Amino acid sequence: MASVDVAPGWPAVTYEQHPWVSSDAYGSRREKRLTTGPYRAAVPPLIAHRPLPLDGELQALTEEAATELTRFDVEVGHITAPFASILLRTESASSSEIENLSSGARQIALAELGEHASRNARLIVGNVRAMRAALELSDAIDAAAILRMHHALLEYDDPTIAGRWRTQQVWIGGGSLGPHTAQFVPPHHARVPELIDDLVAYAHRVDLPVVAQIAVAHAQFETIHPFPDGNGRVGRALIQAMLRGGQLTRSVAVPVSAGLLHNTGEYFDALGAYRAGDIGPIVHSIVDASFAAVANGRTLVADLEAVRELWRSRVTARRDSAVHRLSDVLLRQPVIDNRSAAAALSVTGANAQIAIDRLVDAGILTQITEGRRNRIWQAKDVVRVLDEFAARAKRRRD
């Protein structure tokens, strides 16, 4: 990323000391010595009423990014295909990939179906729920809404912490015995409620360039680190909520996390720069990610439209027939069983099976289980397109 000049005026985090009671259950003598005594935890600045120190060039870039995001949302919103669901899943998968939670499109679809799938795939489906909650709550972003996003994310995989602020100190990097050697120590848990209320007040402002406002809100959220786990994924869900709340999007979740995946090192460095008092890198990172997300999203939509046209050429039936309606379902749900197909079409299992069999005969569906009981089928064309999207997202920009 090119260096960005920012006007002075954004405060760095400060630090305060807290006592630490070290565990003597495990660890070498040296490790215990390094984690003895008080530690320093961050004290993020309050930002609710603080002006954004943006230079003219960076502000112009944020406005250009906002225009592109809105244009893409309008483009996709006018297409009669389930692209909102598709883009929501791709954004959720990309956000999870930033946390090294990766899974292929087929595994994710199996997890959505409720079938046996990898733990990563289940966690990604949890992130889909968190993203969906973020969009549903975009008109009323408050502390309760953020807790609901977190609950949706972890309610099945870690219910003891889901939807609750942390009640202990956490730290990033360093050893597991204590925060003394960490790369960053977020604020003491007693400060979390006040800092979240301040962040919510900042998010409600209407006097700031929306993309820059979102970038700073996201960085502040990650600095607060209000949960024991899931902070990054909830923080990126907050980006989607603010895009919708700021009226840059209305129809879809633009896969901004897929843009961040192009260079996660740059993204994490930008979060570090924010803590040091420089908002320029994180604003630039979100701007770049927005442009990349729109470009990759357009390719995804074009590829899926090409798949849909190919399928239509293979199946001769009325456009409102069950077989054509099921092919549209497959665009957003590329792995199905008889039960899910019947539910999606609101038909009997027997009629759903007729539609499935026709798509199998047309080469659109392929059975991926053995035998004739509990059968599952996949639309390999859609799985391929979604995996290609993920591969493009991970391809680093020069």
Foldseek 3Di string as FASTA:
>chain_A
DDDFDWDADFAFWDKDKDFDDFDPPDDDPVVVVLAHTIAIATDHDQPLPGDGGHDPVLLVLLVVLLVLLLVLQVVVVPDPFPVQLVQLLLLLQLLLVLVVLHDFPVLLLCVVQVHDHDPSSVLSVLLSQLLVLLQVCLQPDALQSLLVSQCSRPCPPCVVFRSHFDQAWDAADDDPRHRSPGPHTAHGLVCLVVNRRSLSSNLPDDPDSQLLSLLLSLLSQVSNVGGPDDSSSSSVSNSQSSCVNNVSHDRHRQNLSLLCLLCVVLCVVCSVVVNNRDNVSSSVSSSSSSVVSSVLSVVLVVLLVVVLVVLVVLDDDDCPDLLNQLVSVCLSNFKDDLVVSCVSSVHDSVSSVVSVVSCVVSVQWDWPDDDDPPIMIGRVSNSVSSVVSSVVSNNHDD
